[in-house]
Amino acid sequence: MSYTTIRTEHSVGDTVYWHDSESDAVHRGVVVGIEARCDSPGYTPDFEIIYRVRDKWAAEPSIASYMLLERDLNVSPRDAFPPIPPEPAPVEPASAEAPA
Protein backbone atom coordinates (compact mmCIF):
# COMPACT_ATOMS: atom_id res chain seq x y z
CA MET A 1 0.00 0.00 0.00
CA SER A 2 1.33 3.44 -0.86
CA TYR A 3 0.56 6.80 0.66
CA THR A 4 0.36 10.23 -0.90
CA THR A 5 0.03 13.79 0.34
CA ILE A 6 -3.07 15.69 -0.74
CA ARG A 7 -3.20 19.44 -0.29
CA THR A 8 -6.57 21.16 -0.02
CA GLU A 9 -7.51 24.82 -0.28
CA HIS A 10 -9.90 24.65 2.68
CA SER A 11 -9.83 22.89 6.04
CA VAL A 12 -12.53 21.58 8.33
CA GLY A 13 -14.06 24.55 10.16
CA ASP A 14 -13.38 27.09 7.37
CA THR A 15 -16.18 29.42 6.32
CA VAL A 16 -16.75 29.15 2.57
CA TYR A 17 -19.10 30.68 0.00
CA TRP A 18 -20.63 29.20 -3.15
CA HIS A 19 -23.16 30.20 -5.79
CA ASP A 20 -26.31 28.12 -6.19
CA SER A 21 -27.54 28.58 -9.76
CA GLU A 22 -30.91 27.00 -8.98
CA SER A 23 -31.85 29.72 -6.47
CA ASP A 24 -29.43 32.31 -7.96
CA ALA A 25 -28.00 33.04 -4.53
CA VAL A 26 -24.66 32.92 -2.77
CA HIS A 27 -24.62 30.66 0.29
CA ARG A 28 -22.34 30.77 3.31
CA GLY A 29 -21.32 27.53 4.97
CA VAL A 30 -18.76 25.79 7.11
CA VAL A 31 -16.66 22.82 5.99
CA VAL A 32 -17.48 19.76 8.12
CA GLY A 33 -15.70 17.05 6.10
CA ILE A 34 -13.24 16.47 3.26
CA GLU A 35 -13.04 13.50 0.89
CA ALA A 36 -10.54 12.68 -1.82
CA ARG A 37 -11.71 10.44 -4.65
CA CYS A 38 -9.59 8.90 -7.36
CA ASP A 39 -11.00 7.29 -10.49
CA SER A 40 -7.65 6.52 -12.11
CA PRO A 41 -5.25 4.65 -9.81
CA GLY A 42 -1.61 4.44 -10.76
CA TYR A 43 1.76 5.99 -10.03
CA THR A 44 0.43 9.55 -10.42
CA PRO A 45 -3.27 9.42 -9.52
CA ASP A 46 -5.44 12.47 -10.03
CA PHE A 47 -7.59 13.14 -6.96
CA GLU A 48 -10.86 15.03 -6.89
CA ILE A 49 -11.41 16.88 -3.60
CA ILE A 50 -15.00 16.95 -2.35
CA TYR A 51 -16.08 19.02 0.65
CA ARG A 52 -19.05 18.32 2.89
CA VAL A 53 -20.45 21.75 3.79
CA ARG A 54 -23.32 22.79 6.04
CA ASP A 55 -25.14 26.10 5.91
CA LYS A 56 -23.91 28.60 8.45
CA TRP A 57 -26.87 30.47 9.89
CA ALA A 58 -26.69 33.20 12.50
CA ALA A 59 -29.45 31.70 14.65
CA GLU A 60 -29.88 28.03 13.91
CA PRO A 61 -27.82 25.77 11.59
CA SER A 62 -29.53 23.71 8.94
CA ILE A 63 -29.30 19.92 9.25
CA ALA A 64 -28.77 19.24 5.52
CA SER A 65 -25.24 19.20 4.12
CA TYR A 66 -23.92 19.78 0.61
CA MET A 67 -21.21 17.88 -1.27
CA LEU A 68 -19.26 20.49 -3.23
CA LEU A 69 -16.16 20.35 -5.38
CA GLU A 70 -13.11 22.42 -4.58
CA ARG A 71 -13.57 24.61 -7.67
CA ASP A 72 -17.06 25.66 -6.49
CA LEU A 73 -15.94 27.08 -3.12
CA ASN A 74 -14.62 30.58 -2.47
CA VAL A 75 -13.21 32.39 0.55
CA SER A 76 -15.24 35.58 0.06
CA PRO A 77 -18.83 36.20 -1.02
CA ARG A 78 -17.68 38.57 -3.76
CA ASP A 79 -15.69 35.79 -5.44
CA ALA A 80 -18.67 33.41 -5.30
CA PHE A 81 -20.86 35.47 -7.65
CA PRO A 82 -20.77 34.30 -11.27
CA PRO A 83 -19.14 36.65 -13.78
CA ILE A 84 -21.42 39.28 -15.24
CA PRO A 85 -21.81 38.83 -19.00
CA PRO A 86 -20.90 41.87 -21.10
CA GLU A 87 -23.74 44.11 -22.19
CA PRO A 88 -24.65 43.80 -25.86
CA ALA A 89 -23.57 46.64 -28.11
CA PRO A 90 -26.39 49.01 -29.07
CA VAL A 91 -27.81 48.34 -32.51
CA GLU A 92 -28.34 51.39 -34.63
CA PRO A 93 -31.41 51.26 -36.89
CA ALA A 94 -30.73 51.10 -40.62
CA SER A 95 -31.21 54.32 -42.51
CA ALA A 96 -34.49 54.56 -44.45
CA GLU A 97 -32.90 56.65 -47.21
CA ALA A 98 -32.32 54.94 -50.55
CA PRO A 99 -28.86 55.23 -52.11
CA ALA A 100 -28.69 57.77 -54.92
PDB file of N, CA and C in Angstrom:
ATOM      1  N   MET A   1       0.845  -1.170   0.000  1.00  0.00           N
ATOM      2  CA  MET A   1       0.000   0.000   0.000  1.00  0.00           C
ATOM      3  C   MET A   1       0.889   1.231   0.000  1.00  0.00           C
ATOM      4  N   SER A   2       0.535   2.210  -0.808  1.00  0.00           N
ATOM      5  CA  SER A   2       1.328   3.437  -0.862  1.00  0.00           C
ATOM      6  C   SER A   2       0.504   4.604  -0.324  1.00  0.00           C
ATOM      7  N   TYR A   3       1.201   5.621   0.099  1.00  0.00           N
ATOM      8  CA  TYR A   3       0.558   6.804   0.655  1.00  0.00           C
ATOM      9  C   TYR A   3       0.942   8.019  -0.177  1.00  0.00           C
ATOM     10  N   THR A   4       0.083   9.003  -0.172  1.00  0.00           N
ATOM     11  CA  THR A   4       0.360  10.233  -0.904  1.00  0.00           C
ATOM     12  C   THR A   4      -0.118  11.415  -0.075  1.00  0.00           C
ATOM     13  N   THR A   5       0.438  12.564  -0.339  1.00  0.00           N
ATOM     14  CA  THR A   5       0.034  13.792   0.336  1.00  0.00           C
ATOM     15  C   THR A   5      -0.939  14.538  -0.557  1.00  0.00           C
ATOM     16  N   ILE A   6      -2.066  14.934   0.003  1.00  0.00           N
ATOM     17  CA  ILE A   6      -3.070  15.687  -0.741  1.00  0.00           C
ATOM     18  C   ILE A   6      -3.238  17.043  -0.072  1.00  0.00           C
ATOM     19  N   ARG A   7      -3.049  18.084  -0.829  1.00  0.00           N
ATOM     20  CA  ARG A   7      -3.203  19.439  -0.292  1.00  0.00           C
ATOM     21  C   ARG A   7      -4.570  19.977  -0.709  1.00  0.00           C
ATOM     22  N   THR A   8      -5.245  20.603   0.248  1.00  0.00           N
ATOM     23  CA  THR A   8      -6.566  21.162  -0.016  1.00  0.00           C
ATOM     24  C   THR A   8      -6.536  22.664   0.218  1.00  0.00           C
ATOM     25  N   GLU A   9      -7.434  23.373  -0.452  1.00  0.00           N
ATOM     26  CA  GLU A   9      -7.511  24.823  -0.283  1.00  0.00           C
ATOM     27  C   GLU A   9      -8.221  25.202   1.007  1.00  0.00           C
ATOM     28  N   HIS A  10      -9.107  24.349   1.494  1.00  0.00           N
ATOM     29  CA  HIS A  10      -9.898  24.646   2.680  1.00  0.00           C
ATOM     30  C   HIS A  10      -9.721  23.531   3.697  1.00  0.00           C
ATOM     31  N   SER A  11      -9.933  23.863   4.954  1.00  0.00           N
ATOM     32  CA  SER A  11      -9.832  22.893   6.036  1.00  0.00           C
ATOM     33  C   SER A  11     -11.172  22.768   6.743  1.00  0.00           C
ATOM     34  N   VAL A  12     -11.322  21.739   7.544  1.00  0.00           N
ATOM     35  CA  VAL A  12     -12.532  21.577   8.333  1.00  0.00           C
ATOM     36  C   VAL A  12     -12.646  22.775   9.285  1.00  0.00           C
ATOM     37  N   GLY A  13     -13.818  23.373   9.323  1.00  0.00           N
ATOM     38  CA  GLY A  13     -14.057  24.547  10.163  1.00  0.00           C
ATOM     39  C   GLY A  13     -13.977  25.856   9.410  1.00  0.00           C
ATOM     40  N   ASP A  14     -13.465  25.857   8.164  1.00  0.00           N
ATOM     41  CA  ASP A  14     -13.379  27.090   7.374  1.00  0.00           C
ATOM     42  C   ASP A  14     -14.762  27.541   6.928  1.00  0.00           C
ATOM     43  N   THR A  15     -14.962  28.850   6.887  1.00  0.00           N
ATOM     44  CA  THR A  15     -16.177  29.421   6.316  1.00  0.00           C
ATOM     45  C   THR A  15     -15.952  29.599   4.829  1.00  0.00           C
ATOM     46  N   VAL A  16     -16.873  29.089   4.022  1.00  0.00           N
ATOM     47  CA  VAL A  16     -16.750  29.149   2.569  1.00  0.00           C
ATOM     48  C   VAL A  16     -18.047  29.673   1.966  1.00  0.00           C
ATOM     49  N   TYR A  17     -17.957  30.124   0.720  1.00  0.00           N
ATOM     50  CA  TYR A  17     -19.101  30.677   0.000  1.00  0.00           C
ATOM     51  C   TYR A  17     -19.192  29.993  -1.357  1.00  0.00           C
ATOM     52  N   TRP A  18     -20.428  29.782  -1.829  1.00  0.00           N
ATOM     53  CA  TRP A  18     -20.634  29.196  -3.147  1.00  0.00           C
ATOM     54  C   TRP A  18     -21.918  29.736  -3.739  1.00  0.00           C
ATOM     55  N   HIS A  19     -21.986  29.710  -5.063  1.00  0.00           N
ATOM     56  CA  HIS A  19     -23.161  30.199  -5.792  1.00  0.00           C
ATOM     57  C   HIS A  19     -24.037  29.015  -6.162  1.00  0.00           C
ATOM     58  N   ASP A  20     -25.324  29.138  -5.835  1.00  0.00           N
ATOM     59  CA  ASP A  20     -26.306  28.123  -6.190  1.00  0.00           C
ATOM     60  C   ASP A  20     -27.089  28.657  -7.376  1.00  0.00           C
ATOM     61  N   SER A  21     -26.886  28.072  -8.551  1.00  0.00           N
ATOM     62  CA  SER A  21     -27.541  28.583  -9.760  1.00  0.00           C
ATOM     63  C   SER A  21     -29.040  28.328  -9.747  1.00  0.00           C
ATOM     64  N   GLU A  22     -29.485  27.311  -9.028  1.00  0.00           N
ATOM     65  CA  GLU A  22     -30.910  27.004  -8.979  1.00  0.00           C
ATOM     66  C   GLU A  22     -31.702  28.112  -8.285  1.00  0.00           C
ATOM     67  N   SER A  23     -31.172  28.635  -7.185  1.00  0.00           N
ATOM     68  CA  SER A  23     -31.852  29.720  -6.472  1.00  0.00           C
ATOM     69  C   SER A  23     -31.228  31.080  -6.794  1.00  0.00           C
ATOM     70  N   ASP A  24     -30.170  31.095  -7.597  1.00  0.00           N
ATOM     71  CA  ASP A  24     -29.429  32.308  -7.962  1.00  0.00           C
ATOM     72  C   ASP A  24     -29.062  33.102  -6.718  1.00  0.00           C
ATOM     73  N   ALA A  25     -28.406  32.417  -5.779  1.00  0.00           N
ATOM     74  CA  ALA A  25     -28.004  33.036  -4.526  1.00  0.00           C
ATOM     75  C   ALA A  25     -26.631  32.518  -4.117  1.00  0.00           C
ATOM     76  N   VAL A  26     -25.936  33.327  -3.330  1.00  0.00           N
ATOM     77  CA  VAL A  26     -24.657  32.920  -2.765  1.00  0.00           C
ATOM     78  C   VAL A  26     -24.921  32.442  -1.342  1.00  0.00           C
ATOM     79  N   HIS A  27     -24.427  31.246  -1.023  1.00  0.00           N
ATOM     80  CA  HIS A  27     -24.622  30.658   0.294  1.00  0.00           C
ATOM     81  C   HIS A  27     -23.327  30.717   1.089  1.00  0.00           C
ATOM     82  N   ARG A  28     -23.485  30.806   2.399  1.00  0.00           N
ATOM     83  CA  ARG A  28     -22.342  30.772   3.312  1.00  0.00           C
ATOM     84  C   ARG A  28     -22.431  29.476   4.100  1.00  0.00           C
ATOM     85  N   GLY A  29     -21.314  28.786   4.245  1.00  0.00           N
ATOM     86  CA  GLY A  29     -21.321  27.530   4.973  1.00  0.00           C
ATOM     87  C   GLY A  29     -20.007  27.285   5.674  1.00  0.00           C
ATOM     88  N   VAL A  30     -19.969  26.189   6.405  1.00  0.00           N
ATOM     89  CA  VAL A  30     -18.760  25.787   7.107  1.00  0.00           C
ATOM     90  C   VAL A  30     -18.413  24.368   6.667  1.00  0.00           C
ATOM     91  N   VAL A  31     -17.130  24.128   6.423  1.00  0.00           N
ATOM     92  CA  VAL A  31     -16.657  22.816   5.986  1.00  0.00           C
ATOM     93  C   VAL A  31     -16.687  21.869   7.184  1.00  0.00           C
ATOM     94  N   VAL A  32     -17.390  20.735   7.038  1.00  0.00           N
ATOM     95  CA  VAL A  32     -17.480  19.756   8.118  1.00  0.00           C
ATOM     96  C   VAL A  32     -16.804  18.430   7.755  1.00  0.00           C
ATOM     97  N   GLY A  33     -16.383  18.275   6.505  1.00  0.00           N
ATOM     98  CA  GLY A  33     -15.700  17.055   6.103  1.00  0.00           C
ATOM     99  C   GLY A  33     -15.031  17.210   4.753  1.00  0.00           C
ATOM    100  N   ILE A  34     -13.984  16.425   4.527  1.00  0.00           N
ATOM    101  CA  ILE A  34     -13.242  16.474   3.259  1.00  0.00           C
ATOM    102  C   ILE A  34     -13.025  15.042   2.783  1.00  0.00           C
ATOM    103  N   GLU A  35     -13.279  14.808   1.494  1.00  0.00           N
ATOM    104  CA  GLU A  35     -13.042  13.497   0.891  1.00  0.00           C
ATOM    105  C   GLU A  35     -12.167  13.672  -0.338  1.00  0.00           C
ATOM    106  N   ALA A  36     -11.344  12.701  -0.602  1.00  0.00           N
ATOM    107  CA  ALA A  36     -10.538  12.675  -1.823  1.00  0.00           C
ATOM    108  C   ALA A  36     -10.919  11.412  -2.580  1.00  0.00           C
ATOM    109  N   ARG A  37     -11.324  11.579  -3.816  1.00  0.00           N
ATOM    110  CA  ARG A  37     -11.709  10.438  -4.653  1.00  0.00           C
ATOM    111  C   ARG A  37     -10.775  10.354  -5.849  1.00  0.00           C
ATOM    112  N   CYS A  38     -10.476   9.132  -6.223  1.00  0.00           N
ATOM    113  CA  CYS A  38      -9.589   8.900  -7.358  1.00  0.00           C
ATOM    114  C   CYS A  38     -10.216   7.859  -8.268  1.00  0.00           C
ATOM    115  N   ASP A  39     -10.428   8.219  -9.520  1.00  0.00           N
ATOM    116  CA  ASP A  39     -11.002   7.291 -10.494  1.00  0.00           C
ATOM    117  C   ASP A  39      -9.936   6.586 -11.323  1.00  0.00           C
ATOM    118  N   SER A  40      -8.709   7.108 -11.292  1.00  0.00           N
ATOM    119  CA  SER A  40      -7.652   6.518 -12.113  1.00  0.00           C
ATOM    120  C   SER A  40      -6.434   6.195 -11.244  1.00  0.00           C
ATOM    121  N   PRO A  41      -6.398   5.009 -10.634  1.00  0.00           N
ATOM    122  CA  PRO A  41      -5.247   4.654  -9.807  1.00  0.00           C
ATOM    123  C   PRO A  41      -3.999   4.453 -10.663  1.00  0.00           C
ATOM    124  N   GLY A  42      -2.868   4.628 -10.055  1.00  0.00           N
ATOM    125  CA  GLY A  42      -1.606   4.442 -10.758  1.00  0.00           C
ATOM    126  C   GLY A  42      -0.488   5.125  -9.996  1.00  0.00           C
ATOM    127  N   TYR A  43       0.624   5.352 -10.681  1.00  0.00           N
ATOM    128  CA  TYR A  43       1.761   5.991 -10.030  1.00  0.00           C
ATOM    129  C   TYR A  43       1.517   7.470  -9.766  1.00  0.00           C
ATOM    130  N   THR A  44       0.753   8.126 -10.627  1.00  0.00           N
ATOM    131  CA  THR A  44       0.429   9.548 -10.422  1.00  0.00           C
ATOM    132  C   THR A  44      -1.085   9.722 -10.511  1.00  0.00           C
ATOM    133  N   PRO A  45      -1.808   9.307  -9.472  1.00  0.00           N
ATOM    134  CA  PRO A  45      -3.270   9.418  -9.520  1.00  0.00           C
ATOM    135  C   PRO A  45      -3.727  10.865  -9.445  1.00  0.00           C
ATOM    136  N   ASP A  46      -4.857  11.137 -10.049  1.00  0.00           N
ATOM    137  CA  ASP A  46      -5.444  12.475 -10.034  1.00  0.00           C
ATOM    138  C   ASP A  46      -6.640  12.434  -9.085  1.00  0.00           C
ATOM    139  N   PHE A  47      -6.537  13.148  -7.964  1.00  0.00           N
ATOM    140  CA  PHE A  47      -7.586  13.136  -6.963  1.00  0.00           C
ATOM    141  C   PHE A  47      -8.568  14.272  -7.183  1.00  0.00           C
ATOM    142  N   GLU A  48      -9.822  14.016  -6.861  1.00  0.00           N
ATOM    143  CA  GLU A  48     -10.863  15.034  -6.888  1.00  0.00           C
ATOM    144  C   GLU A  48     -11.260  15.284  -5.430  1.00  0.00           C
ATOM    145  N   ILE A  49     -11.123  16.528  -4.985  1.00  0.00           N
ATOM    146  CA  ILE A  49     -11.406  16.882  -3.602  1.00  0.00           C
ATOM    147  C   ILE A  49     -12.869  17.287  -3.497  1.00  0.00           C
ATOM    148  N   ILE A  50     -13.588  16.653  -2.578  1.00  0.00           N
ATOM    149  CA  ILE A  50     -15.002  16.949  -2.351  1.00  0.00           C
ATOM    150  C   ILE A  50     -15.170  17.363  -0.894  1.00  0.00           C
ATOM    151  N   TYR A  51     -15.853  18.488  -0.690  1.00  0.00           N
ATOM    152  CA  TYR A  51     -16.075  19.018   0.652  1.00  0.00           C
ATOM    153  C   TYR A  51     -17.521  18.790   1.070  1.00  0.00           C
ATOM    154  N   ARG A  52     -17.711  18.382   2.308  1.00  0.00           N
ATOM    155  CA  ARG A  52     -19.049  18.320   2.887  1.00  0.00           C
ATOM    156  C   ARG A  52     -19.233  19.621   3.655  1.00  0.00           C
ATOM    157  N   VAL A  53     -20.251  20.404   3.250  1.00  0.00           N
ATOM    158  CA  VAL A  53     -20.453  21.746   3.788  1.00  0.00           C
ATOM    159  C   VAL A  53     -21.870  21.858   4.331  1.00  0.00           C
ATOM    160  N   ARG A  54     -22.005  22.489   5.476  1.00  0.00           N
ATOM    161  CA  ARG A  54     -23.322  22.785   6.041  1.00  0.00           C
ATOM    162  C   ARG A  54     -23.533  24.283   6.033  1.00  0.00           C
ATOM    163  N   ASP A  55     -24.807  24.680   5.867  1.00  0.00           N
ATOM    164  CA  ASP A  55     -25.144  26.100   5.911  1.00  0.00           C
ATOM    165  C   ASP A  55     -24.742  26.683   7.259  1.00  0.00           C
ATOM    166  N   LYS A  56     -24.288  27.925   7.229  1.00  0.00           N
ATOM    167  CA  LYS A  56     -23.910  28.602   8.454  1.00  0.00           C
ATOM    168  C   LYS A  56     -24.906  29.730   8.678  1.00  0.00           C
ATOM    169  N   TRP A  57     -25.833  29.497   9.571  1.00  0.00           N
ATOM    170  CA  TRP A  57     -26.868  30.475   9.889  1.00  0.00           C
ATOM    171  C   TRP A  57     -26.487  31.207  11.165  1.00  0.00           C
ATOM    172  N   ALA A  58     -26.973  32.428  11.301  1.00  0.00           N
ATOM    173  CA  ALA A  58     -26.686  33.197  12.501  1.00  0.00           C
ATOM    174  C   ALA A  58     -27.427  32.630  13.709  1.00  0.00           C
ATOM    175  N   ALA A  59     -28.649  32.157  13.520  1.00  0.00           N
ATOM    176  CA  ALA A  59     -29.453  31.705  14.653  1.00  0.00           C
ATOM    177  C   ALA A  59     -29.411  30.191  14.835  1.00  0.00           C
ATOM    178  N   GLU A  60     -29.693  29.463  13.781  1.00  0.00           N
ATOM    179  CA  GLU A  60     -29.884  28.026  13.913  1.00  0.00           C
ATOM    180  C   GLU A  60     -29.353  27.325  12.669  1.00  0.00           C
ATOM    181  N   PRO A  61     -28.368  26.426  12.785  1.00  0.00           N
ATOM    182  CA  PRO A  61     -27.822  25.775  11.587  1.00  0.00           C
ATOM    183  C   PRO A  61     -28.803  24.793  10.958  1.00  0.00           C
ATOM    184  N   SER A  62     -28.706  24.668   9.672  1.00  0.00           N
ATOM    185  CA  SER A  62     -29.526  23.709   8.938  1.00  0.00           C
ATOM    186  C   SER A  62     -28.932  22.316   9.101  1.00  0.00           C
ATOM    187  N   ILE A  63     -29.765  21.295   9.062  1.00  0.00           N
ATOM    188  CA  ILE A  63     -29.295  19.922   9.247  1.00  0.00           C
ATOM    189  C   ILE A  63     -28.700  19.364   7.952  1.00  0.00           C
ATOM    190  N   ALA A  64     -29.224  19.773   6.814  1.00  0.00           N
ATOM    191  CA  ALA A  64     -28.771  19.244   5.524  1.00  0.00           C
ATOM    192  C   ALA A  64     -27.343  19.691   5.224  1.00  0.00           C
ATOM    193  N   SER A  65     -26.600  18.829   4.533  1.00  0.00           N
ATOM    194  CA  SER A  65     -25.245  19.196   4.124  1.00  0.00           C
ATOM    195  C   SER A  65     -25.127  19.074   2.611  1.00  0.00           C
ATOM    196  N   TYR A  66     -24.160  19.764   2.049  1.00  0.00           N
ATOM    197  CA  TYR A  66     -23.915  19.776   0.606  1.00  0.00           C
ATOM    198  C   TYR A  66     -22.588  19.082   0.342  1.00  0.00           C
ATOM    199  N   MET A  67     -22.478  18.437  -0.804  1.00  0.00           N
ATOM    200  CA  MET A  67     -21.213  17.875  -1.266  1.00  0.00           C
ATOM    201  C   MET A  67     -20.771  18.746  -2.440  1.00  0.00           C
ATOM    202  N   LEU A  68     -19.707  19.522  -2.239  1.00  0.00           N
ATOM    203  CA  LEU A  68     -19.264  20.494  -3.233  1.00  0.00           C
ATOM    204  C   LEU A  68     -17.816  20.232  -3.628  1.00  0.00           C
ATOM    205  N   LEU A  69     -17.522  20.499  -4.882  1.00  0.00           N
ATOM    206  CA  LEU A  69     -16.161  20.354  -5.385  1.00  0.00           C
ATOM    207  C   LEU A  69     -15.322  21.558  -4.985  1.00  0.00           C
ATOM    208  N   GLU A  70     -14.021  21.363  -4.993  1.00  0.00           N
ATOM    209  CA  GLU A  70     -13.106  22.423  -4.582  1.00  0.00           C
ATOM    210  C   GLU A  70     -13.233  23.664  -5.465  1.00  0.00           C
ATOM    211  N   ARG A  71     -13.479  23.468  -6.749  1.00  0.00           N
ATOM    212  CA  ARG A  71     -13.566  24.612  -7.670  1.00  0.00           C
ATOM    213  C   ARG A  71     -14.819  25.459  -7.440  1.00  0.00           C
ATOM    214  N   ASP A  72     -15.824  24.922  -6.733  1.00  0.00           N
ATOM    215  CA  ASP A  72     -17.062  25.655  -6.487  1.00  0.00           C
ATOM    216  C   ASP A  72     -17.001  26.544  -5.254  1.00  0.00           C
ATOM    217  N   LEU A  73     -16.016  26.345  -4.381  1.00  0.00           N
ATOM    218  CA  LEU A  73     -15.941  27.079  -3.120  1.00  0.00           C
ATOM    219  C   LEU A  73     -15.031  28.291  -3.229  1.00  0.00           C
ATOM    220  N   ASN A  74     -15.386  29.340  -2.499  1.00  0.00           N
ATOM    221  CA  ASN A  74     -14.619  30.582  -2.472  1.00  0.00           C
ATOM    222  C   ASN A  74     -14.449  31.038  -1.032  1.00  0.00           C
ATOM    223  N   VAL A  75     -13.457  31.907  -0.805  1.00  0.00           N
ATOM    224  CA  VAL A  75     -13.205  32.395   0.547  1.00  0.00           C
ATOM    225  C   VAL A  75     -13.923  33.708   0.842  1.00  0.00           C
ATOM    226  N   SER A  76     -14.485  34.347  -0.175  1.00  0.00           N
ATOM    227  CA  SER A  76     -15.241  35.580   0.055  1.00  0.00           C
ATOM    228  C   SER A  76     -16.524  35.542  -0.770  1.00  0.00           C
ATOM    229  N   PRO A  77     -17.574  36.211  -0.272  1.00  0.00           N
ATOM    230  CA  PRO A  77     -18.830  36.197  -1.022  1.00  0.00           C
ATOM    231  C   PRO A  77     -18.710  36.873  -2.376  1.00  0.00           C
ATOM    232  N   ARG A  78     -17.854  37.866  -2.491  1.00  0.00           N
ATOM    233  CA  ARG A  78     -17.676  38.572  -3.764  1.00  0.00           C
ATOM    234  C   ARG A  78     -17.150  37.637  -4.845  1.00  0.00           C
ATOM    235  N   ASP A  79     -16.254  36.732  -4.468  1.00  0.00           N
ATOM    236  CA  ASP A  79     -15.689  35.794  -5.443  1.00  0.00           C
ATOM    237  C   ASP A  79     -16.676  34.703  -5.837  1.00  0.00           C
ATOM    238  N   ALA A  80     -17.714  34.481  -5.028  1.00  0.00           N
ATOM    239  CA  ALA A  80     -18.668  33.415  -5.299  1.00  0.00           C
ATOM    240  C   ALA A  80     -19.677  33.781  -6.381  1.00  0.00           C
ATOM    241  N   PHE A  81     -19.904  35.066  -6.614  1.00  0.00           N
ATOM    242  CA  PHE A  81     -20.860  35.465  -7.646  1.00  0.00           C
ATOM    243  C   PHE A  81     -20.342  35.081  -9.022  1.00  0.00           C
ATOM    244  N   PRO A  82     -21.214  34.645  -9.916  1.00  0.00           N
ATOM    245  CA  PRO A  82     -20.768  34.302 -11.266  1.00  0.00           C
ATOM    246  C   PRO A  82     -20.376  35.575 -12.023  1.00  0.00           C
ATOM    247  N   PRO A  83     -19.523  35.447 -13.022  1.00  0.00           N
ATOM    248  CA  PRO A  83     -19.137  36.648 -13.784  1.00  0.00           C
ATOM    249  C   PRO A  83     -20.331  37.252 -14.504  1.00  0.00           C
ATOM    250  N   ILE A  84     -20.339  38.563 -14.562  1.00  0.00           N
ATOM    251  CA  ILE A  84     -21.423  39.283 -15.242  1.00  0.00           C
ATOM    252  C   ILE A  84     -21.121  39.290 -16.731  1.00  0.00           C
ATOM    253  N   PRO A  85     -22.062  38.834 -17.556  1.00  0.00           N
ATOM    254  CA  PRO A  85     -21.806  38.835 -18.998  1.00  0.00           C
ATOM    255  C   PRO A  85     -21.755  40.270 -19.514  1.00  0.00           C
ATOM    256  N   PRO A  86     -20.974  40.514 -20.559  1.00  0.00           N
ATOM    257  CA  PRO A  86     -20.899  41.872 -21.104  1.00  0.00           C
ATOM    258  C   PRO A  86     -22.235  42.292 -21.699  1.00  0.00           C
ATOM    259  N   GLU A  87     -22.495  43.593 -21.609  1.00  0.00           N
ATOM    260  CA  GLU A  87     -23.736  44.111 -22.187  1.00  0.00           C
ATOM    261  C   GLU A  87     -23.623  44.110 -23.707  1.00  0.00           C
ATOM    262  N   PRO A  88     -24.711  43.784 -24.393  1.00  0.00           N
ATOM    263  CA  PRO A  88     -24.646  43.797 -25.861  1.00  0.00           C
ATOM    264  C   PRO A  88     -24.473  45.225 -26.384  1.00  0.00           C
ATOM    265  N   ALA A  89     -23.782  45.333 -27.487  1.00  0.00           N
ATOM    266  CA  ALA A  89     -23.571  46.641 -28.109  1.00  0.00           C
ATOM    267  C   ALA A  89     -24.894  47.163 -28.659  1.00  0.00           C
ATOM    268  N   PRO A  90     -25.130  48.472 -28.543  1.00  0.00           N
ATOM    269  CA  PRO A  90     -26.387  49.011 -29.075  1.00  0.00           C
ATOM    270  C   PRO A  90     -26.444  48.853 -30.589  1.00  0.00           C
ATOM    271  N   VAL A  91     -27.602  48.516 -31.078  1.00  0.00           N
ATOM    272  CA  VAL A  91     -27.806  48.336 -32.512  1.00  0.00           C
ATOM    273  C   VAL A  91     -28.453  49.595 -33.045  1.00  0.00           C
ATOM    274  N   GLU A  92     -27.790  50.175 -34.027  1.00  0.00           N
ATOM    275  CA  GLU A  92     -28.344  51.393 -34.634  1.00  0.00           C
ATOM    276  C   GLU A  92     -29.298  50.987 -35.757  1.00  0.00           C
ATOM    277  N   PRO A  93     -30.478  51.620 -35.840  1.00  0.00           N
ATOM    278  CA  PRO A  93     -31.406  51.262 -36.894  1.00  0.00           C
ATOM    279  C   PRO A  93     -30.850  51.628 -38.257  1.00  0.00           C
ATOM    280  N   ALA A  94     -31.179  50.839 -39.261  1.00  0.00           N
ATOM    281  CA  ALA A  94     -30.726  51.098 -40.623  1.00  0.00           C
ATOM    282  C   ALA A  94     -31.392  52.355 -41.154  1.00  0.00           C
ATOM    283  N   SER A  95     -30.684  53.076 -41.955  1.00  0.00           N
ATOM    284  CA  SER A  95     -31.207  54.316 -42.512  1.00  0.00           C
ATOM    285  C   SER A  95     -32.293  54.006 -43.545  1.00  0.00           C
ATOM    286  N   ALA A  96     -33.359  54.775 -43.537  1.00  0.00           N
ATOM    287  CA  ALA A  96     -34.487  54.561 -44.448  1.00  0.00           C
ATOM    288  C   ALA A  96     -34.236  55.207 -45.803  1.00  0.00           C
ATOM    289  N   GLU A  97     -33.166  55.967 -45.941  1.00  0.00           N
ATOM    290  CA  GLU A  97     -32.896  56.647 -47.212  1.00  0.00           C
ATOM    291  C   GLU A  97     -32.355  55.635 -48.227  1.00  0.00           C
ATOM    292  N   ALA A  98     -32.789  55.788 -49.459  1.00  0.00           N
ATOM    293  CA  ALA A  98     -32.325  54.937 -50.553  1.00  0.00           C
ATOM    294  C   ALA A  98     -31.050  55.546 -51.112  1.00  0.00           C
ATOM    295  N   PRO A  99     -30.104  54.695 -51.515  1.00  0.00           N
ATOM    296  CA  PRO A  99     -28.860  55.228 -52.112  1.00  0.00           C
ATOM    297  C   PRO A  99     -29.173  55.913 -53.441  1.00  0.00           C
ATOM    298  N   ALA A 100     -28.445  56.984 -53.709  1.00  0.00           N
ATOM    299  CA  ALA A 100     -28.691  57.770 -54.921  1.00  0.00           C
ATOM    300  C   ALA A 100     -27.944  57.236 -56.109  1.00  0.00           C
TER     301      ALA A 100
END
